[in-house]
């Protein structure tokens, strides 16, 4: 009697563990495409700011890479940039419209690091 009772408990435990792992795997498989899809169409550009239009929240950036094209980027959030700053943008392109999701001002970062050393 004891052997069959302990076998049943062990079987239930294994079954519950298996079902738990299957549930975790199913949730992970369902969420993975959503997480990957959020950032699949985001591109990155690094270059020099050529023009700043504060009213329209648009900056023109000259890409460092060849052919050094100048393209406008609409800022999703206000940013402190000026002509001549070196910036790195993460943007999403929809047709001719480029929306800068993240902006890193490399010039300001370099100045800040230099002032911290002093």
C-alpha atoms as a PDB file:
ATOM      1  CA  UNK A   1       0.000   0.000   0.000  1.00  0.00           C
ATOM      2  CA  UNK A   2       2.738   2.434   0.892  1.00  0.00           C
ATOM      3  CA  UNK A   3       4.583   1.887  -2.343  1.00  0.00           C
ATOM      4  CA  UNK A   4       1.609   2.745  -4.520  1.00  0.00           C
ATOM      5  CA  UNK A   5       0.790   5.794  -2.361  1.00  0.00           C
ATOM      6  CA  UNK A   6       4.332   7.206  -2.626  1.00  0.00           C
ATOM      7  CA  UNK A   7       4.397   6.451  -6.346  1.00  0.00           C
ATOM      8  CA  UNK A   8       1.179   8.432  -6.774  1.00  0.00           C
ATOM      9  CA  UNK A   9       2.604  11.413  -4.883  1.00  0.00           C
ATOM     10  CA  UNK A  10       5.807  11.306  -6.890  1.00  0.00           C
ATOM     11  CA  UNK A  11       3.801  11.067 -10.094  1.00  0.00           C
ATOM     12  CA  UNK A  12       1.706  14.078  -9.155  1.00  0.00           C
ATOM     13  CA  UNK A  13       4.777  16.091  -8.287  1.00  0.00           C
ATOM     14  CA  UNK A  14       6.413  15.267 -11.631  1.00  0.00           C
ATOM     15  CA  UNK A  15       3.187  16.065 -13.445  1.00  0.00           C
ATOM     16  CA  UNK A  16       2.873  19.447 -11.709  1.00  0.00           C
ATOM     17  CA  UNK A  17       6.511  20.303 -12.441  1.00  0.00           C
ATOM     18  CA  UNK A  18       6.082  19.340 -16.075  1.00  0.00           C
ATOM     19  CA  UNK A  19       2.900  21.391 -16.401  1.00  0.00           C
ATOM     20  CA  UNK A  20       4.611  24.359 -14.727  1.00  0.00           C
ATOM     21  CA  UNK A  21       7.536  24.266 -17.139  1.00  0.00           C
ATOM     22  CA  UNK A  22       5.167  23.906 -20.084  1.00  0.00           C
ATOM     23  CA  UNK A  23       3.204  26.945 -18.920  1.00  0.00           C
ATOM     24  CA  UNK A  24       6.369  29.030 -18.569  1.00  0.00           C
ATOM     25  CA  UNK A  25       7.554  27.933 -22.017  1.00  0.00           C
ATOM     26  CA  UNK A  26       4.180  28.768 -23.566  1.00  0.00           C
ATOM     27  CA  UNK A  27       4.139  32.250 -22.030  1.00  0.00           C
ATOM     28  CA  UNK A  28       7.727  32.879 -23.160  1.00  0.00           C
ATOM     29  CA  UNK A  29       6.900  31.787 -26.711  1.00  0.00           C
ATOM     30  CA  UNK A  30       3.860  34.065 -26.787  1.00  0.00           C
ATOM     31  CA  UNK A  31       5.720  37.121 -25.485  1.00  0.00           C
ATOM     32  CA  UNK A  32       8.946  36.730 -27.483  1.00  0.00           C
ATOM     33  CA  UNK A  33       7.542  38.046 -30.797  1.00  0.00           C
ATOM     34  CA  UNK A  34       6.024  41.041 -29.028  1.00  0.00           C
ATOM     35  CA  UNK A  35       9.314  41.986 -27.382  1.00  0.00           C
ATOM     36  CA  UNK A  36      11.327  41.527 -30.566  1.00  0.00           C
ATOM     37  CA  UNK A  37       8.727  43.352 -32.645  1.00  0.00           C
ATOM     38  CA  UNK A  38       9.005  46.495 -30.553  1.00  0.00           C
ATOM     39  CA  UNK A  39      12.525  47.220 -31.719  1.00  0.00           C
ATOM     40  CA  UNK A  40      12.750  45.461 -35.065  1.00  0.00           C
ATOM     41  CA  UNK A  41      12.308  48.570 -37.210  1.00  0.00           C
ATOM     42  CA  UNK A  42      14.458  50.940 -35.144  1.00  0.00           C
ATOM     43  CA  UNK A  43      17.582  52.212 -36.895  1.00  0.00           C
ATOM     44  CA  UNK A  44      20.599  54.129 -35.620  1.00  0.00           C
ATOM     45  CA  UNK A  45      22.487  57.021 -37.174  1.00  0.00           C
ATOM     46  CA  UNK A  46      25.440  59.049 -35.914  1.00  0.00           C
ATOM     47  CA  UNK A  47      26.460  62.386 -37.299  1.00  0.00           C
ATOM     48  CA  UNK A  48      26.752  66.147 -36.979  1.00  0.00           C
ATOM     49  CA  UNK A  49      23.763  68.433 -36.418  1.00  0.00           C
ATOM     50  CA  UNK A  50      23.513  70.783 -39.391  1.00  0.00           C
ATOM     51  CA  UNK A  51      20.304  72.654 -38.529  1.00  0.00           C
ATOM     52  CA  UNK A  52      17.947  72.888 -35.552  1.00  0.00           C
ATOM     53  CA  UNK A  53      14.296  73.949 -35.917  1.00  0.00           C
ATOM     54  CA  UNK A  54      13.111  74.303 -32.330  1.00  0.00           C
ATOM     55  CA  UNK A  55       9.566  75.294 -33.276  1.00  0.00           C
ATOM     56  CA  UNK A  56       8.945  72.147 -35.325  1.00  0.00           C
ATOM     57  CA  UNK A  57      11.205  69.990 -33.120  1.00  0.00           C
ATOM     58  CA  UNK A  58      13.204  68.906 -36.200  1.00  0.00           C
ATOM     59  CA  UNK A  59      16.959  68.565 -36.563  1.00  0.00           C
ATOM     60  CA  UNK A  60      18.963  67.919 -39.722  1.00  0.00           C
ATOM     61  CA  UNK A  61      21.838  65.479 -39.217  1.00  0.00           C
ATOM     62  CA  UNK A  62      24.726  64.809 -41.596  1.00  0.00           C
ATOM     63  CA  UNK A  63      25.422  61.071 -41.414  1.00  0.00           C
ATOM     64  CA  UNK A  64      29.050  60.114 -40.649  1.00  0.00           C
ATOM     65  CA  UNK A  65      28.833  57.163 -42.997  1.00  0.00           C
ATOM     66  CA  UNK A  66      29.138  57.464 -46.739  1.00  0.00           C
ATOM     67  CA  UNK A  67      27.518  59.143 -48.705  1.00  0.00           C
ATOM     68  CA  UNK A  68      27.256  61.653 -45.820  1.00  0.00           C
ATOM     69  CA  UNK A  69      23.603  62.389 -46.538  1.00  0.00           C
ATOM     70  CA  UNK A  70      21.800  65.109 -44.597  1.00  0.00           C
ATOM     71  CA  UNK A  71      18.380  64.010 -43.373  1.00  0.00           C
ATOM     72  CA  UNK A  72      15.724  65.600 -41.136  1.00  0.00           C
ATOM     73  CA  UNK A  73      14.669  63.854 -37.905  1.00  0.00           C
ATOM     74  CA  UNK A  74      11.587  64.823 -35.918  1.00  0.00           C
ATOM     75  CA  UNK A  75      12.241  64.692 -32.174  1.00  0.00           C
ATOM     76  CA  UNK A  76       9.774  62.695 -30.083  1.00  0.00           C
ATOM     77  CA  UNK A  77      10.936  64.658 -27.006  1.00  0.00           C
ATOM     78  CA  UNK A  78      12.620  68.044 -26.584  1.00  0.00           C
ATOM     79  CA  UNK A  79      16.414  67.820 -26.601  1.00  0.00           C
ATOM     80  CA  UNK A  80      19.281  70.219 -26.009  1.00  0.00           C
ATOM     81  CA  UNK A  81      21.249  70.301 -29.249  1.00  0.00           C
ATOM     82  CA  UNK A  82      22.880  72.997 -31.333  1.00  0.00           C
ATOM     83  CA  UNK A  83      24.514  73.210 -34.740  1.00  0.00           C
ATOM     84  CA  UNK A  84      27.797  71.313 -34.869  1.00  0.00           C
ATOM     85  CA  UNK A  85      26.989  68.838 -32.076  1.00  0.00           C
ATOM     86  CA  UNK A  86      27.834  65.194 -32.677  1.00  0.00           C
ATOM     87  CA  UNK A  87      24.741  63.085 -31.967  1.00  0.00           C
ATOM     88  CA  UNK A  88      23.639  59.465 -32.096  1.00  0.00           C
ATOM     89  CA  UNK A  89      19.965  58.865 -32.866  1.00  0.00           C
ATOM     90  CA  UNK A  90      17.767  55.800 -32.583  1.00  0.00           C
ATOM     91  CA  UNK A  91      14.898  56.462 -34.974  1.00  0.00           C
ATOM     92  CA  UNK A  92      11.931  54.842 -36.662  1.00  0.00           C
ATOM     93  CA  UNK A  93      11.357  55.577 -40.342  1.00  0.00           C
ATOM     94  CA  UNK A  94       7.860  55.655 -41.830  1.00  0.00           C
ATOM     95  CA  UNK A  95       8.126  56.631 -45.463  1.00  0.00           C
ATOM     96  CA  UNK A  96      10.027  59.935 -45.593  1.00  0.00           C
ATOM     97  CA  UNK A  97       9.245  60.714 -41.937  1.00  0.00           C
ATOM     98  CA  UNK A  98      11.987  59.840 -39.432  1.00  0.00           C
ATOM     99  CA  UNK A  99      11.085  60.070 -35.741  1.00  0.00           C
ATOM    100  CA  UNK A 100      14.028  60.183 -33.317  1.00  0.00           C
ATOM    101  CA  UNK A 101      13.045  58.006 -30.355  1.00  0.00           C
ATOM    102  CA  UNK A 102      16.333  58.462 -28.476  1.00  0.00           C
ATOM    103  CA  UNK A 103      19.017  61.093 -28.864  1.00  0.00           C
ATOM    104  CA  UNK A 104      22.482  60.971 -27.340  1.00  0.00           C
ATOM    105  CA  UNK A 105      24.428  64.208 -27.599  1.00  0.00           C
ATOM    106  CA  UNK A 106      28.015  62.937 -27.792  1.00  0.00           C
ATOM    107  CA  UNK A 107      29.463  66.459 -27.727  1.00  0.00           C
ATOM    108  CA  UNK A 108      27.730  67.286 -24.423  1.00  0.00           C
ATOM    109  CA  UNK A 109      28.697  63.893 -23.014  1.00  0.00           C
ATOM    110  CA  UNK A 110      32.359  64.520 -23.822  1.00  0.00           C
ATOM    111  CA  UNK A 111      32.196  68.005 -22.254  1.00  0.00           C
ATOM    112  CA  UNK A 112      30.543  66.625 -19.121  1.00  0.00           C
ATOM    113  CA  UNK A 113      33.191  63.919 -18.720  1.00  0.00           C
ATOM    114  CA  UNK A 114      35.940  66.465 -19.191  1.00  0.00           C
ATOM    115  CA  UNK A 115      34.488  68.760 -16.500  1.00  0.00           C
ATOM    116  CA  UNK A 116      34.098  65.819 -14.060  1.00  0.00           C
ATOM    117  CA  UNK A 117      37.814  65.019 -14.374  1.00  0.00           C
ATOM    118  CA  UNK A 118      38.797  68.559 -13.385  1.00  0.00           C
END
